[in-house]
Amino acid sequence: MEIVLCQLTLEALDGNLKEYLTQNCADDTVLVAKCIGCCGECASTYVVLVDGDPVVAPTREKLLERIQSL
């Protein structure tokens, strides 16, 4: 899978999210984009694009669970 997170999430919410996802999703590609088109939602909640589809969660642990269930 390709997991894309927004730079704003790293700056406003969780600066270690890329490393966390890279460690826990070792078989997947984790990328950072300047914007993923979620109109500011990424500054207040965990949202990533997984193969182009948004996945949203209140915590990074819940985000990982949702990603792994795909």
PDB file of N, CA and C in Angstrom:
ATOM      1  N   MET A   1       0.832  -1.180   0.000  1.00  0.00           N
ATOM      2  CA  MET A   1       0.000   0.000   0.000  1.00  0.00           C
ATOM      3  C   MET A   1       0.876   1.242   0.000  1.00  0.00           C
ATOM      4  N   GLU A   2       0.296   2.315  -0.490  1.00  0.00           N
ATOM      5  CA  GLU A   2       0.952   3.614  -0.418  1.00  0.00           C
ATOM      6  C   GLU A   2       0.197   4.471   0.596  1.00  0.00           C
ATOM      7  N   ILE A   3       0.903   4.926   1.613  1.00  0.00           N
ATOM      8  CA  ILE A   3       0.323   5.752   2.670  1.00  0.00           C
ATOM      9  C   ILE A   3       0.921   7.148   2.540  1.00  0.00           C
ATOM     10  N   VAL A   4       0.048   8.146   2.364  1.00  0.00           N
ATOM     11  CA  VAL A   4       0.513   9.520   2.197  1.00  0.00           C
ATOM     12  C   VAL A   4      -0.055  10.359   3.325  1.00  0.00           C
ATOM     13  N   LEU A   5       0.836  11.036   4.059  1.00  0.00           N
ATOM     14  CA  LEU A   5       0.372  11.919   5.104  1.00  0.00           C
ATOM     15  C   LEU A   5       0.746  13.348   4.768  1.00  0.00           C
ATOM     16  N   CYS A   6       0.004  14.264   5.376  1.00  0.00           N
ATOM     17  CA  CYS A   6       0.173  15.681   5.107  1.00  0.00           C
ATOM     18  C   CYS A   6       1.279  16.274   5.983  1.00  0.00           C
ATOM     19  N   GLN A   7       2.039  17.158   5.409  1.00  0.00           N
ATOM     20  CA  GLN A   7       3.081  17.862   6.159  1.00  0.00           C
ATOM     21  C   GLN A   7       2.486  18.591   7.360  1.00  0.00           C
ATOM     22  N   LEU A   8       1.275  19.111   7.206  1.00  0.00           N
ATOM     23  CA  LEU A   8       0.616  19.843   8.294  1.00  0.00           C
ATOM     24  C   LEU A   8       0.363  18.940   9.501  1.00  0.00           C
ATOM     25  N   THR A   9       0.061  17.673   9.276  1.00  0.00           N
ATOM     26  CA  THR A   9      -0.124  16.731  10.383  1.00  0.00           C
ATOM     27  C   THR A   9       1.166  16.606  11.181  1.00  0.00           C
ATOM     28  N   LEU A  10       2.282  16.526  10.478  1.00  0.00           N
ATOM     29  CA  LEU A  10       3.581  16.422  11.157  1.00  0.00           C
ATOM     30  C   LEU A  10       3.875  17.679  11.962  1.00  0.00           C
ATOM     31  N   GLU A  11       3.521  18.828  11.408  1.00  0.00           N
ATOM     32  CA  GLU A  11       3.826  20.093  12.076  1.00  0.00           C
ATOM     33  C   GLU A  11       2.870  20.394  13.230  1.00  0.00           C
ATOM     34  N   ALA A  12       1.585  20.101  13.064  1.00  0.00           N
ATOM     35  CA  ALA A  12       0.584  20.525  14.035  1.00  0.00           C
ATOM     36  C   ALA A  12       0.172  19.448  15.032  1.00  0.00           C
ATOM     37  N   LEU A  13       0.326  18.182  14.651  1.00  0.00           N
ATOM     38  CA  LEU A  13      -0.258  17.117  15.463  1.00  0.00           C
ATOM     39  C   LEU A  13       0.758  16.111  15.983  1.00  0.00           C
ATOM     40  N   ASP A  14       1.603  15.600  15.110  1.00  0.00           N
ATOM     41  CA  ASP A  14       2.470  14.483  15.510  1.00  0.00           C
ATOM     42  C   ASP A  14       3.710  14.441  14.628  1.00  0.00           C
ATOM     43  N   GLY A  15       4.784  15.010  15.101  1.00  0.00           N
ATOM     44  CA  GLY A  15       6.018  15.066  14.337  1.00  0.00           C
ATOM     45  C   GLY A  15       6.686  13.724  14.101  1.00  0.00           C
ATOM     46  N   ASN A  16       6.252  12.681  14.822  1.00  0.00           N
ATOM     47  CA  ASN A  16       6.853  11.355  14.672  1.00  0.00           C
ATOM     48  C   ASN A  16       5.976  10.366  13.916  1.00  0.00           C
ATOM     49  N   LEU A  17       4.887  10.852  13.330  1.00  0.00           N
ATOM     50  CA  LEU A  17       3.937   9.939  12.679  1.00  0.00           C
ATOM     51  C   LEU A  17       4.556   9.173  11.516  1.00  0.00           C
ATOM     52  N   LYS A  18       5.381   9.825  10.704  1.00  0.00           N
ATOM     53  CA  LYS A  18       5.992   9.126   9.562  1.00  0.00           C
ATOM     54  C   LYS A  18       6.851   7.964  10.043  1.00  0.00           C
ATOM     55  N   GLU A  19       7.656   8.190  11.055  1.00  0.00           N
ATOM     56  CA  GLU A  19       8.503   7.123  11.575  1.00  0.00           C
ATOM     57  C   GLU A  19       7.662   5.999  12.185  1.00  0.00           C
ATOM     58  N   TYR A  20       6.619   6.381  12.909  1.00  0.00           N
ATOM     59  CA  TYR A  20       5.711   5.398  13.520  1.00  0.00           C
ATOM     60  C   TYR A  20       5.080   4.505  12.452  1.00  0.00           C
ATOM     61  N   LEU A  21       4.571   5.108  11.379  1.00  0.00           N
ATOM     62  CA  LEU A  21       3.944   4.319  10.317  1.00  0.00           C
ATOM     63  C   LEU A  21       4.983   3.498   9.546  1.00  0.00           C
ATOM     64  N   THR A  22       6.153   4.076   9.321  1.00  0.00           N
ATOM     65  CA  THR A  22       7.209   3.349   8.612  1.00  0.00           C
ATOM     66  C   THR A  22       7.622   2.101   9.388  1.00  0.00           C
ATOM     67  N   GLN A  23       7.733   2.204  10.702  1.00  0.00           N
ATOM     68  CA  GLN A  23       8.116   1.053  11.529  1.00  0.00           C
ATOM     69  C   GLN A  23       7.020   0.004  11.585  1.00  0.00           C
ATOM     70  N   ASN A  24       5.764   0.442  11.652  1.00  0.00           N
ATOM     71  CA  ASN A  24       4.654  -0.483  11.843  1.00  0.00           C
ATOM     72  C   ASN A  24       4.009  -0.962  10.547  1.00  0.00           C
ATOM     73  N   CYS A  25       4.366  -0.342   9.445  1.00  0.00           N
ATOM     74  CA  CYS A  25       3.853  -0.746   8.130  1.00  0.00           C
ATOM     75  C   CYS A  25       5.050  -0.976   7.209  1.00  0.00           C
ATOM     76  N   ALA A  26       5.916  -1.851   7.613  1.00  0.00           N
ATOM     77  CA  ALA A  26       7.209  -2.044   6.946  1.00  0.00           C
ATOM     78  C   ALA A  26       7.082  -2.435   5.471  1.00  0.00           C
ATOM     79  N   ASP A  27       6.007  -3.108   5.094  1.00  0.00           N
ATOM     80  CA  ASP A  27       5.842  -3.532   3.707  1.00  0.00           C
ATOM     81  C   ASP A  27       5.201  -2.463   2.832  1.00  0.00           C
ATOM     82  N   ASP A  28       4.842  -1.329   3.421  1.00  0.00           N
ATOM     83  CA  ASP A  28       4.152  -0.272   2.695  1.00  0.00           C
ATOM     84  C   ASP A  28       5.076   0.922   2.474  1.00  0.00           C
ATOM     85  N   THR A  29       4.708   1.759   1.519  1.00  0.00           N
ATOM     86  CA  THR A  29       5.440   2.984   1.241  1.00  0.00           C
ATOM     87  C   THR A  29       4.774   4.119   1.996  1.00  0.00           C
ATOM     88  N   VAL A  30       5.533   4.850   2.797  1.00  0.00           N
ATOM     89  CA  VAL A  30       5.004   5.978   3.563  1.00  0.00           C
ATOM     90  C   VAL A  30       5.641   7.254   3.023  1.00  0.00           C
ATOM     91  N   LEU A  31       4.793   8.156   2.531  1.00  0.00           N
ATOM     92  CA  LEU A  31       5.251   9.400   1.925  1.00  0.00           C
ATOM     93  C   LEU A  31       4.647  10.599   2.647  1.00  0.00           C
ATOM     94  N   VAL A  32       5.289  11.747   2.514  1.00  0.00           N
ATOM     95  CA  VAL A  32       4.768  13.008   3.048  1.00  0.00           C
ATOM     96  C   VAL A  32       4.525  13.934   1.872  1.00  0.00           C
ATOM     97  N   ALA A  33       3.335  14.538   1.839  1.00  0.00           N
ATOM     98  CA  ALA A  33       2.992  15.504   0.790  1.00  0.00           C
ATOM     99  C   ALA A  33       2.714  16.856   1.438  1.00  0.00           C
ATOM    100  N   LYS A  34       2.889  17.897   0.680  1.00  0.00           N
ATOM    101  CA  LYS A  34       2.607  19.237   1.197  1.00  0.00           C
ATOM    102  C   LYS A  34       1.128  19.361   1.549  1.00  0.00           C
ATOM    103  N   CYS A  35       0.258  18.743   0.762  1.00  0.00           N
ATOM    104  CA  CYS A  35      -1.182  18.776   1.009  1.00  0.00           C
ATOM    105  C   CYS A  35      -1.793  17.495   0.446  1.00  0.00           C
ATOM    106  N   ILE A  36      -2.731  16.909   1.191  1.00  0.00           N
ATOM    107  CA  ILE A  36      -3.421  15.708   0.701  1.00  0.00           C
ATOM    108  C   ILE A  36      -4.888  15.995   0.395  1.00  0.00           C
ATOM    109  N   GLY A  37      -5.268  17.278   0.418  1.00  0.00           N
ATOM    110  CA  GLY A  37      -6.604  17.678   0.017  1.00  0.00           C
ATOM    111  C   GLY A  37      -7.695  17.447   1.045  1.00  0.00           C
ATOM    112  N   CYS A  38      -7.358  17.438   2.293  1.00  0.00           N
ATOM    113  CA  CYS A  38      -8.358  17.223   3.342  1.00  0.00           C
ATOM    114  C   CYS A  38      -8.757  18.527   4.027  1.00  0.00           C
ATOM    115  N   CYS A  39      -8.432  19.646   3.430  1.00  0.00           N
ATOM    116  CA  CYS A  39      -8.901  20.980   3.823  1.00  0.00           C
ATOM    117  C   CYS A  39      -8.761  21.286   5.307  1.00  0.00           C
ATOM    118  N   GLY A  40      -7.574  21.088   5.850  1.00  0.00           N
ATOM    119  CA  GLY A  40      -7.285  21.463   7.228  1.00  0.00           C
ATOM    120  C   GLY A  40      -7.603  20.405   8.262  1.00  0.00           C
ATOM    121  N   GLU A  41      -8.334  19.369   7.890  1.00  0.00           N
ATOM    122  CA  GLU A  41      -8.663  18.296   8.835  1.00  0.00           C
ATOM    123  C   GLU A  41      -7.396  17.653   9.390  1.00  0.00           C
ATOM    124  N   CYS A  42      -6.347  17.648   8.595  1.00  0.00           N
ATOM    125  CA  CYS A  42      -5.101  17.009   8.989  1.00  0.00           C
ATOM    126  C   CYS A  42      -4.381  17.747  10.119  1.00  0.00           C
ATOM    127  N   ALA A  43      -4.804  18.967  10.420  1.00  0.00           N
ATOM    128  CA  ALA A  43      -4.194  19.710  11.521  1.00  0.00           C
ATOM    129  C   ALA A  43      -4.821  19.378  12.862  1.00  0.00           C
ATOM    130  N   SER A  44      -5.983  18.712  12.839  1.00  0.00           N
ATOM    131  CA  SER A  44      -6.679  18.458  14.096  1.00  0.00           C
ATOM    132  C   SER A  44      -6.983  16.989  14.365  1.00  0.00           C
ATOM    133  N   THR A  45      -6.798  16.128  13.377  1.00  0.00           N
ATOM    134  CA  THR A  45      -7.038  14.699  13.562  1.00  0.00           C
ATOM    135  C   THR A  45      -6.092  13.916  12.667  1.00  0.00           C
ATOM    136  N   TYR A  46      -5.973  12.645  12.930  1.00  0.00           N
ATOM    137  CA  TYR A  46      -5.087  11.794  12.130  1.00  0.00           C
ATOM    138  C   TYR A  46      -5.809  11.400  10.851  1.00  0.00           C
ATOM    139  N   VAL A  47      -5.298  11.871   9.738  1.00  0.00           N
ATOM    140  CA  VAL A  47      -5.865  11.526   8.435  1.00  0.00           C
ATOM    141  C   VAL A  47      -4.714  11.285   7.464  1.00  0.00           C
ATOM    142  N   VAL A  48      -4.801  10.195   6.735  1.00  0.00           N
ATOM    143  CA  VAL A  48      -3.819   9.861   5.704  1.00  0.00           C
ATOM    144  C   VAL A  48      -4.587   9.366   4.489  1.00  0.00           C
ATOM    145  N   LEU A  49      -3.903   9.313   3.367  1.00  0.00           N
ATOM    146  CA  LEU A  49      -4.465   8.677   2.192  1.00  0.00           C
ATOM    147  C   LEU A  49      -3.802   7.316   2.048  1.00  0.00           C
ATOM    148  N   VAL A  50      -4.607   6.283   1.906  1.00  0.00           N
ATOM    149  CA  VAL A  50      -4.095   4.935   1.684  1.00  0.00           C
ATOM    150  C   VAL A  50      -4.559   4.524   0.298  1.00  0.00           C
ATOM    151  N   ASP A  51      -3.600   4.395  -0.600  1.00  0.00           N
ATOM    152  CA  ASP A  51      -3.903   4.118  -2.004  1.00  0.00           C
ATOM    153  C   ASP A  51      -4.949   5.082  -2.545  1.00  0.00           C
ATOM    154  N   GLY A  52      -4.841   6.355  -2.113  1.00  0.00           N
ATOM    155  CA  GLY A  52      -5.703   7.410  -2.615  1.00  0.00           C
ATOM    156  C   GLY A  52      -6.988   7.642  -1.840  1.00  0.00           C
ATOM    157  N   ASP A  53      -7.326   6.756  -0.905  1.00  0.00           N
ATOM    158  CA  ASP A  53      -8.551   6.894  -0.124  1.00  0.00           C
ATOM    159  C   ASP A  53      -8.235   7.385   1.288  1.00  0.00           C
ATOM    160  N   PRO A  54      -9.030   8.336   1.811  1.00  0.00           N
ATOM    161  CA  PRO A  54      -8.758   8.852   3.157  1.00  0.00           C
ATOM    162  C   PRO A  54      -9.071   7.834   4.250  1.00  0.00           C
ATOM    163  N   VAL A  55      -8.208   7.817   5.258  1.00  0.00           N
ATOM    164  CA  VAL A  55      -8.410   7.023   6.468  1.00  0.00           C
ATOM    165  C   VAL A  55      -8.239   8.007   7.624  1.00  0.00           C
ATOM    166  N   VAL A  56      -9.249   8.093   8.497  1.00  0.00           N
ATOM    167  CA  VAL A  56      -9.264   9.076   9.579  1.00  0.00           C
ATOM    168  C   VAL A  56      -9.406   8.359  10.914  1.00  0.00           C
ATOM    169  N   ALA A  57      -8.709   8.875  11.934  1.00  0.00           N
ATOM    170  CA  ALA A  57      -8.785   8.281  13.272  1.00  0.00           C
ATOM    171  C   ALA A  57      -8.439   9.342  14.319  1.00  0.00           C
ATOM    172  N   PRO A  58      -8.893   9.143  15.563  1.00  0.00           N
ATOM    173  CA  PRO A  58      -8.607  10.114  16.615  1.00  0.00           C
ATOM    174  C   PRO A  58      -7.191  10.015  17.201  1.00  0.00           C
ATOM    175  N   THR A  59      -6.548   8.845  17.061  1.00  0.00           N
ATOM    176  CA  THR A  59      -5.189   8.651  17.580  1.00  0.00           C
ATOM    177  C   THR A  59      -4.354   7.926  16.537  1.00  0.00           C
ATOM    178  N   ARG A  60      -3.046   7.976  16.713  1.00  0.00           N
ATOM    179  CA  ARG A  60      -2.208   7.268  15.742  1.00  0.00           C
ATOM    180  C   ARG A  60      -2.325   5.761  15.891  1.00  0.00           C
ATOM    181  N   GLU A  61      -2.593   5.288  17.096  1.00  0.00           N
ATOM    182  CA  GLU A  61      -2.779   3.842  17.289  1.00  0.00           C
ATOM    183  C   GLU A  61      -4.033   3.356  16.564  1.00  0.00           C
ATOM    184  N   LYS A  62      -5.112   4.139  16.656  1.00  0.00           N
ATOM    185  CA  LYS A  62      -6.350   3.793  15.959  1.00  0.00           C
ATOM    186  C   LYS A  62      -6.154   3.906  14.455  1.00  0.00           C
ATOM    187  N   LEU A  63      -5.381   4.889  14.025  1.00  0.00           N
ATOM    188  CA  LEU A  63      -5.079   5.037  12.602  1.00  0.00           C
ATOM    189  C   LEU A  63      -4.363   3.796  12.087  1.00  0.00           C
ATOM    190  N   LEU A  64      -3.380   3.322  12.837  1.00  0.00           N
ATOM    191  CA  LEU A  64      -2.648   2.120  12.449  1.00  0.00           C
ATOM    192  C   LEU A  64      -3.590   0.930  12.354  1.00  0.00           C
ATOM    193  N   GLU A  65      -4.480   0.774  13.321  1.00  0.00           N
ATOM    194  CA  GLU A  65      -5.463  -0.332  13.282  1.00  0.00           C
ATOM    195  C   GLU A  65      -6.295  -0.261  12.005  1.00  0.00           C
ATOM    196  N   ARG A  66      -6.754   0.924  11.676  1.00  0.00           N
ATOM    197  CA  ARG A  66      -7.598   1.084  10.476  1.00  0.00           C
ATOM    198  C   ARG A  66      -6.822   0.819   9.203  1.00  0.00           C
ATOM    199  N   ILE A  67      -5.580   1.239   9.151  1.00  0.00           N
ATOM    200  CA  ILE A  67      -4.743   0.969   7.984  1.00  0.00           C
ATOM    201  C   ILE A  67      -4.506  -0.524   7.841  1.00  0.00           C
ATOM    202  N   GLN A  68      -4.179  -1.181   8.936  1.00  0.00           N
ATOM    203  CA  GLN A  68      -3.873  -2.614   8.898  1.00  0.00           C
ATOM    204  C   GLN A  68      -5.099  -3.459   8.575  1.00  0.00           C
ATOM    205  N   SER A  69      -6.298  -2.909   8.793  1.00  0.00           N
ATOM    206  CA  SER A  69      -7.512  -3.683   8.499  1.00  0.00           C
ATOM    207  C   SER A  69      -7.900  -3.610   7.026  1.00  0.00           C
ATOM    208  N   LEU A  70      -7.205  -2.773   6.250  1.00  0.00           N
ATOM    209  CA  LEU A  70      -7.535  -2.648   4.826  1.00  0.00           C
ATOM    210  C   LEU A  70      -7.008  -3.810   4.018  1.00  0.00           C
TER     211      LEU A  70
END
